[in-house]
Amino acid sequence: MSLVNLLSELDGMVAQGQIVEAVEKFFGDTVKTHEVDGSKTQNKAEMVEKMTGFVNSIAAVKGIKHINSVSGEDVSMSEFHFNFEMKDGSEVDWHEIIRRNWKEGKVVEEQYFQH
């Protein structure tokens, strides 16, 4: 499957709120992720655990909007707007760019940028 098709499917799952499922399906076992705050995960199992905890802390999804995506040879960028009401009463309202490096059809590195 081409990177364009893989990216389209991955972004579609994220837009539908299937964040953990997208990680399970598209991330390689040794994937590394880099958060805006500097925190990192070192493998798929850590990322699944982190995303499961995050998803379980959401009280209500106010909106997930996929804005745009672009891909090159082994790199992609996806732009999203996320808005969640959290169980602790806070609100998450992120405009986020996600840069992914790919190898053999799997994400091997992911980094997040927010503004």
N, C-alpha and C. Protein backbone atom coordinates (compact mmCIF):
# COMPACT_ATOMS: atom_id res chain seq x y z
N MET A 1 0.85 -1.18 0.00
CA MET A 1 0.00 0.00 0.00
C MET A 1 0.89 1.24 0.00
N SER A 2 0.52 2.25 -0.74
CA SER A 2 1.32 3.47 -0.84
C SER A 2 1.22 4.28 0.46
N LEU A 3 2.21 5.13 0.68
CA LEU A 3 2.20 5.98 1.87
C LEU A 3 0.98 6.89 1.87
N VAL A 4 0.58 7.38 0.72
CA VAL A 4 -0.61 8.23 0.64
C VAL A 4 -1.83 7.48 1.17
N ASN A 5 -1.98 6.22 0.80
CA ASN A 5 -3.12 5.43 1.26
C ASN A 5 -3.02 5.09 2.74
N LEU A 6 -1.81 4.74 3.20
CA LEU A 6 -1.62 4.45 4.62
C LEU A 6 -1.95 5.68 5.46
N LEU A 7 -1.43 6.83 5.05
CA LEU A 7 -1.67 8.07 5.78
C LEU A 7 -3.16 8.42 5.80
N SER A 8 -3.82 8.25 4.68
CA SER A 8 -5.25 8.53 4.61
C SER A 8 -6.04 7.65 5.58
N GLU A 9 -5.69 6.38 5.63
CA GLU A 9 -6.39 5.47 6.55
C GLU A 9 -6.08 5.82 8.01
N LEU A 10 -4.81 6.09 8.32
CA LEU A 10 -4.43 6.45 9.68
C LEU A 10 -5.13 7.73 10.12
N ASP A 11 -5.06 8.77 9.31
CA ASP A 11 -5.71 10.04 9.66
C ASP A 11 -7.22 9.88 9.78
N GLY A 12 -7.81 9.05 8.94
CA GLY A 12 -9.24 8.79 9.04
C GLY A 12 -9.62 8.15 10.36
N MET A 13 -8.80 7.22 10.82
CA MET A 13 -9.07 6.58 12.12
C MET A 13 -8.95 7.59 13.26
N VAL A 14 -7.91 8.42 13.21
CA VAL A 14 -7.74 9.45 14.25
C VAL A 14 -8.94 10.40 14.24
N ALA A 15 -9.37 10.82 13.07
CA ALA A 15 -10.51 11.74 12.96
C ALA A 15 -11.80 11.13 13.51
N GLN A 16 -11.89 9.81 13.48
CA GLN A 16 -13.06 9.12 14.03
C GLN A 16 -12.90 8.80 15.51
N GLY A 17 -11.79 9.24 16.11
CA GLY A 17 -11.55 9.00 17.53
C GLY A 17 -10.93 7.64 17.83
N GLN A 18 -10.53 6.92 16.80
CA GLN A 18 -9.94 5.59 16.97
C GLN A 18 -8.42 5.73 17.14
N ILE A 19 -8.01 6.48 18.13
CA ILE A 19 -6.61 6.84 18.31
C ILE A 19 -5.78 5.63 18.73
N VAL A 20 -6.23 4.91 19.73
CA VAL A 20 -5.49 3.72 20.19
C VAL A 20 -5.42 2.67 19.09
N GLU A 21 -6.53 2.46 18.42
CA GLU A 21 -6.57 1.47 17.34
C GLU A 21 -5.61 1.85 16.21
N ALA A 22 -5.51 3.14 15.92
CA ALA A 22 -4.59 3.62 14.87
C ALA A 22 -3.14 3.34 15.27
N VAL A 23 -2.80 3.58 16.53
CA VAL A 23 -1.45 3.27 17.01
C VAL A 23 -1.17 1.78 16.87
N GLU A 24 -2.12 0.97 17.30
CA GLU A 24 -1.93 -0.48 17.23
C GLU A 24 -1.74 -0.96 15.80
N LYS A 25 -2.45 -0.36 14.86
CA LYS A 25 -2.40 -0.82 13.48
C LYS A 25 -1.20 -0.28 12.70
N PHE A 26 -0.83 0.98 12.92
CA PHE A 26 0.13 1.62 12.03
C PHE A 26 1.51 1.87 12.62
N PHE A 27 1.68 1.68 13.91
CA PHE A 27 2.98 1.96 14.52
C PHE A 27 3.84 0.71 14.56
N GLY A 28 5.13 0.88 14.25
CA GLY A 28 6.08 -0.20 14.38
C GLY A 28 6.39 -0.47 15.84
N ASP A 29 6.90 -1.65 16.15
CA ASP A 29 7.16 -2.05 17.53
C ASP A 29 8.18 -1.15 18.22
N THR A 30 9.11 -0.57 17.48
CA THR A 30 10.17 0.25 18.08
C THR A 30 9.95 1.74 17.84
N VAL A 31 8.73 2.15 17.57
CA VAL A 31 8.40 3.56 17.31
C VAL A 31 8.82 4.44 18.48
N LYS A 32 9.29 5.62 18.15
CA LYS A 32 9.64 6.62 19.16
C LYS A 32 8.75 7.84 18.91
N THR A 33 8.20 8.40 20.01
CA THR A 33 7.37 9.59 19.87
C THR A 33 7.94 10.71 20.72
N HIS A 34 7.69 11.95 20.27
CA HIS A 34 8.20 13.16 20.91
C HIS A 34 7.04 14.13 21.10
N GLU A 35 6.71 14.41 22.35
CA GLU A 35 5.62 15.34 22.68
C GLU A 35 6.11 16.78 22.69
N VAL A 36 5.19 17.70 22.63
CA VAL A 36 5.49 19.12 22.68
C VAL A 36 6.22 19.48 23.97
N ASP A 37 5.84 18.84 25.08
CA ASP A 37 6.44 19.14 26.38
C ASP A 37 7.81 18.48 26.59
N GLY A 38 8.30 17.76 25.59
CA GLY A 38 9.60 17.11 25.69
C GLY A 38 9.54 15.65 26.13
N SER A 39 8.39 15.18 26.57
CA SER A 39 8.29 13.77 26.98
C SER A 39 8.34 12.88 25.74
N LYS A 40 8.76 11.64 25.96
CA LYS A 40 8.94 10.71 24.85
C LYS A 40 8.41 9.33 25.22
N THR A 41 8.07 8.57 24.20
CA THR A 41 7.86 7.13 24.38
C THR A 41 8.90 6.43 23.52
N GLN A 42 9.26 5.22 23.93
CA GLN A 42 10.36 4.50 23.29
C GLN A 42 9.94 3.31 22.45
N ASN A 43 8.63 2.94 22.51
CA ASN A 43 8.17 1.80 21.73
C ASN A 43 6.64 1.82 21.63
N LYS A 44 6.12 0.93 20.84
CA LYS A 44 4.68 0.86 20.59
C LYS A 44 3.90 0.57 21.86
N ALA A 45 4.39 -0.34 22.69
CA ALA A 45 3.68 -0.68 23.93
C ALA A 45 3.51 0.54 24.83
N GLU A 46 4.56 1.36 24.96
CA GLU A 46 4.47 2.58 25.76
C GLU A 46 3.46 3.55 25.17
N MET A 47 3.45 3.66 23.85
CA MET A 47 2.53 4.59 23.19
C MET A 47 1.08 4.12 23.33
N VAL A 48 0.84 2.82 23.19
CA VAL A 48 -0.51 2.29 23.38
C VAL A 48 -0.98 2.58 24.81
N GLU A 49 -0.11 2.35 25.78
CA GLU A 49 -0.47 2.61 27.18
C GLU A 49 -0.77 4.10 27.40
N LYS A 50 0.07 4.96 26.85
CA LYS A 50 -0.12 6.40 26.99
C LYS A 50 -1.43 6.86 26.35
N MET A 51 -1.68 6.41 25.12
CA MET A 51 -2.90 6.83 24.42
C MET A 51 -4.16 6.23 25.05
N THR A 52 -4.06 5.02 25.58
CA THR A 52 -5.20 4.42 26.28
C THR A 52 -5.55 5.26 27.50
N GLY A 53 -4.53 5.66 28.28
CA GLY A 53 -4.77 6.52 29.44
C GLY A 53 -5.38 7.85 29.05
N PHE A 54 -4.86 8.44 27.96
CA PHE A 54 -5.39 9.72 27.50
C PHE A 54 -6.85 9.58 27.07
N VAL A 55 -7.14 8.61 26.24
CA VAL A 55 -8.51 8.40 25.76
C VAL A 55 -9.46 8.13 26.93
N ASN A 56 -9.02 7.38 27.91
CA ASN A 56 -9.86 7.08 29.07
C ASN A 56 -10.09 8.29 29.97
N SER A 57 -9.30 9.35 29.79
CA SER A 57 -9.47 10.56 30.60
C SER A 57 -10.41 11.58 29.92
N ILE A 58 -10.91 11.25 28.74
CA ILE A 58 -11.81 12.13 28.01
C ILE A 58 -13.25 11.88 28.45
N ALA A 59 -13.92 12.97 28.86
CA ALA A 59 -15.34 12.87 29.22
C ALA A 59 -16.22 13.00 27.99
N ALA A 60 -15.84 13.91 27.09
CA ALA A 60 -16.64 14.14 25.89
C ALA A 60 -15.74 14.66 24.77
N VAL A 61 -15.99 14.16 23.57
CA VAL A 61 -15.30 14.65 22.38
C VAL A 61 -16.15 15.78 21.81
N LYS A 62 -15.62 16.98 21.85
CA LYS A 62 -16.32 18.12 21.29
C LYS A 62 -16.04 18.26 19.80
N GLY A 63 -14.88 17.74 19.38
CA GLY A 63 -14.58 17.77 17.97
C GLY A 63 -13.18 17.27 17.66
N ILE A 64 -13.06 16.55 16.56
CA ILE A 64 -11.77 16.18 15.98
C ILE A 64 -11.90 16.50 14.50
N LYS A 65 -11.08 17.44 14.05
CA LYS A 65 -11.15 17.85 12.65
C LYS A 65 -9.80 17.61 11.99
N HIS A 66 -9.80 16.79 10.95
CA HIS A 66 -8.60 16.60 10.14
C HIS A 66 -8.59 17.74 9.13
N ILE A 67 -7.54 18.55 9.16
CA ILE A 67 -7.48 19.73 8.31
C ILE A 67 -6.76 19.44 7.00
N ASN A 68 -5.58 18.80 7.10
CA ASN A 68 -4.81 18.57 5.89
C ASN A 68 -3.72 17.55 6.18
N SER A 69 -3.21 16.92 5.13
CA SER A 69 -2.08 16.01 5.22
C SER A 69 -1.23 16.13 3.97
N VAL A 70 0.04 15.83 4.13
CA VAL A 70 0.96 15.81 3.00
C VAL A 70 1.97 14.70 3.28
N SER A 71 2.44 14.07 2.21
CA SER A 71 3.45 13.02 2.40
C SER A 71 4.53 13.14 1.34
N GLY A 72 5.71 12.71 1.74
CA GLY A 72 6.85 12.63 0.84
C GLY A 72 7.25 11.17 0.71
N GLU A 73 8.53 10.91 0.53
CA GLU A 73 8.98 9.54 0.33
C GLU A 73 8.74 8.67 1.56
N ASP A 74 9.24 9.07 2.71
CA ASP A 74 9.05 8.31 3.95
C ASP A 74 8.65 9.21 5.11
N VAL A 75 8.10 10.38 4.80
CA VAL A 75 7.72 11.35 5.81
C VAL A 75 6.31 11.86 5.50
N SER A 76 5.54 12.08 6.56
CA SER A 76 4.22 12.69 6.38
C SER A 76 3.99 13.74 7.45
N MET A 77 3.09 14.66 7.15
CA MET A 77 2.66 15.68 8.09
C MET A 77 1.13 15.70 8.04
N SER A 78 0.52 15.71 9.21
CA SER A 78 -0.94 15.76 9.31
C SER A 78 -1.31 16.90 10.25
N GLU A 79 -2.34 17.65 9.88
CA GLU A 79 -2.81 18.77 10.69
C GLU A 79 -4.21 18.45 11.21
N PHE A 80 -4.37 18.61 12.53
CA PHE A 80 -5.65 18.32 13.19
C PHE A 80 -6.00 19.45 14.15
N HIS A 81 -7.29 19.56 14.42
CA HIS A 81 -7.76 20.36 15.55
C HIS A 81 -8.54 19.39 16.45
N PHE A 82 -8.10 19.31 17.71
CA PHE A 82 -8.72 18.43 18.71
C PHE A 82 -9.37 19.30 19.78
N ASN A 83 -10.59 18.93 20.19
CA ASN A 83 -11.25 19.61 21.29
C ASN A 83 -11.96 18.57 22.14
N PHE A 84 -11.50 18.44 23.39
CA PHE A 84 -12.04 17.44 24.31
C PHE A 84 -12.40 18.09 25.63
N GLU A 85 -13.47 17.60 26.25
CA GLU A 85 -13.78 17.91 27.64
C GLU A 85 -13.24 16.73 28.44
N MET A 86 -12.39 17.03 29.41
CA MET A 86 -11.74 15.97 30.17
C MET A 86 -12.52 15.65 31.44
N LYS A 87 -12.31 14.46 31.96
CA LYS A 87 -13.02 14.02 33.17
C LYS A 87 -12.68 14.88 34.38
N ASP A 88 -11.51 15.52 34.37
CA ASP A 88 -11.13 16.39 35.50
C ASP A 88 -11.74 17.79 35.39
N GLY A 89 -12.58 18.02 34.37
CA GLY A 89 -13.24 19.30 34.19
C GLY A 89 -12.49 20.27 33.29
N SER A 90 -11.27 19.94 32.92
CA SER A 90 -10.50 20.81 32.02
C SER A 90 -10.92 20.58 30.57
N GLU A 91 -10.45 21.46 29.70
CA GLU A 91 -10.73 21.32 28.27
C GLU A 91 -9.41 21.29 27.52
N VAL A 92 -9.30 20.37 26.58
CA VAL A 92 -8.16 20.29 25.68
C VAL A 92 -8.60 20.88 24.35
N ASP A 93 -7.88 21.88 23.88
CA ASP A 93 -8.19 22.52 22.60
C ASP A 93 -6.87 22.72 21.87
N TRP A 94 -6.51 21.76 21.03
CA TRP A 94 -5.21 21.74 20.37
C TRP A 94 -5.34 21.89 18.87
N HIS A 95 -4.52 22.74 18.30
CA HIS A 95 -4.27 22.76 16.87
C HIS A 95 -2.91 22.11 16.74
N GLU A 96 -2.84 20.96 16.10
CA GLU A 96 -1.64 20.14 16.15
C GLU A 96 -1.18 19.71 14.76
N ILE A 97 0.13 19.74 14.59
CA ILE A 97 0.78 19.17 13.41
C ILE A 97 1.50 17.91 13.88
N ILE A 98 1.32 16.82 13.17
CA ILE A 98 1.95 15.55 13.52
C ILE A 98 2.89 15.17 12.38
N ARG A 99 4.19 15.10 12.69
CA ARG A 99 5.18 14.66 11.70
C ARG A 99 5.49 13.20 11.98
N ARG A 100 5.41 12.39 10.92
CA ARG A 100 5.68 10.95 11.06
C ARG A 100 6.76 10.52 10.08
N ASN A 101 7.68 9.71 10.55
CA ASN A 101 8.63 9.02 9.69
C ASN A 101 8.14 7.59 9.55
N TRP A 102 8.21 7.06 8.34
CA TRP A 102 7.68 5.74 8.01
C TRP A 102 8.80 4.84 7.50
N LYS A 103 8.65 3.54 7.77
CA LYS A 103 9.54 2.54 7.20
C LYS A 103 8.74 1.26 7.01
N GLU A 104 8.76 0.77 5.78
CA GLU A 104 8.07 -0.48 5.43
C GLU A 104 6.60 -0.48 5.89
N GLY A 105 5.93 0.65 5.68
CA GLY A 105 4.50 0.74 5.96
C GLY A 105 4.12 0.96 7.41
N LYS A 106 5.11 1.25 8.26
CA LYS A 106 4.84 1.48 9.68
C LYS A 106 5.45 2.81 10.12
N VAL A 107 4.80 3.47 11.06
CA VAL A 107 5.36 4.68 11.66
C VAL A 107 6.49 4.27 12.59
N VAL A 108 7.67 4.86 12.38
CA VAL A 108 8.83 4.54 13.22
C VAL A 108 9.21 5.72 14.13
N GLU A 109 8.68 6.90 13.81
CA GLU A 109 8.90 8.07 14.67
C GLU A 109 7.76 9.05 14.45
N GLU A 110 7.31 9.65 15.55
CA GLU A 110 6.22 10.62 15.47
C GLU A 110 6.55 11.78 16.40
N GLN A 111 6.34 13.00 15.90
CA GLN A 111 6.59 14.19 16.70
C GLN A 111 5.40 15.13 16.54
N TYR A 112 5.04 15.79 17.66
CA TYR A 112 3.88 16.68 17.69
C TYR A 112 4.31 18.12 17.84
N PHE A 113 3.61 19.00 17.11
CA PHE A 113 3.83 20.44 17.17
C PHE A 113 2.48 21.10 17.38
N GLN A 114 2.40 22.04 18.32
CA GLN A 114 1.15 22.74 18.60
C GLN A 114 1.36 24.23 18.53
N HIS A 115 0.25 24.93 18.26
CA HIS A 115 0.31 26.38 18.35
C HIS A 115 -0.99 26.90 18.90
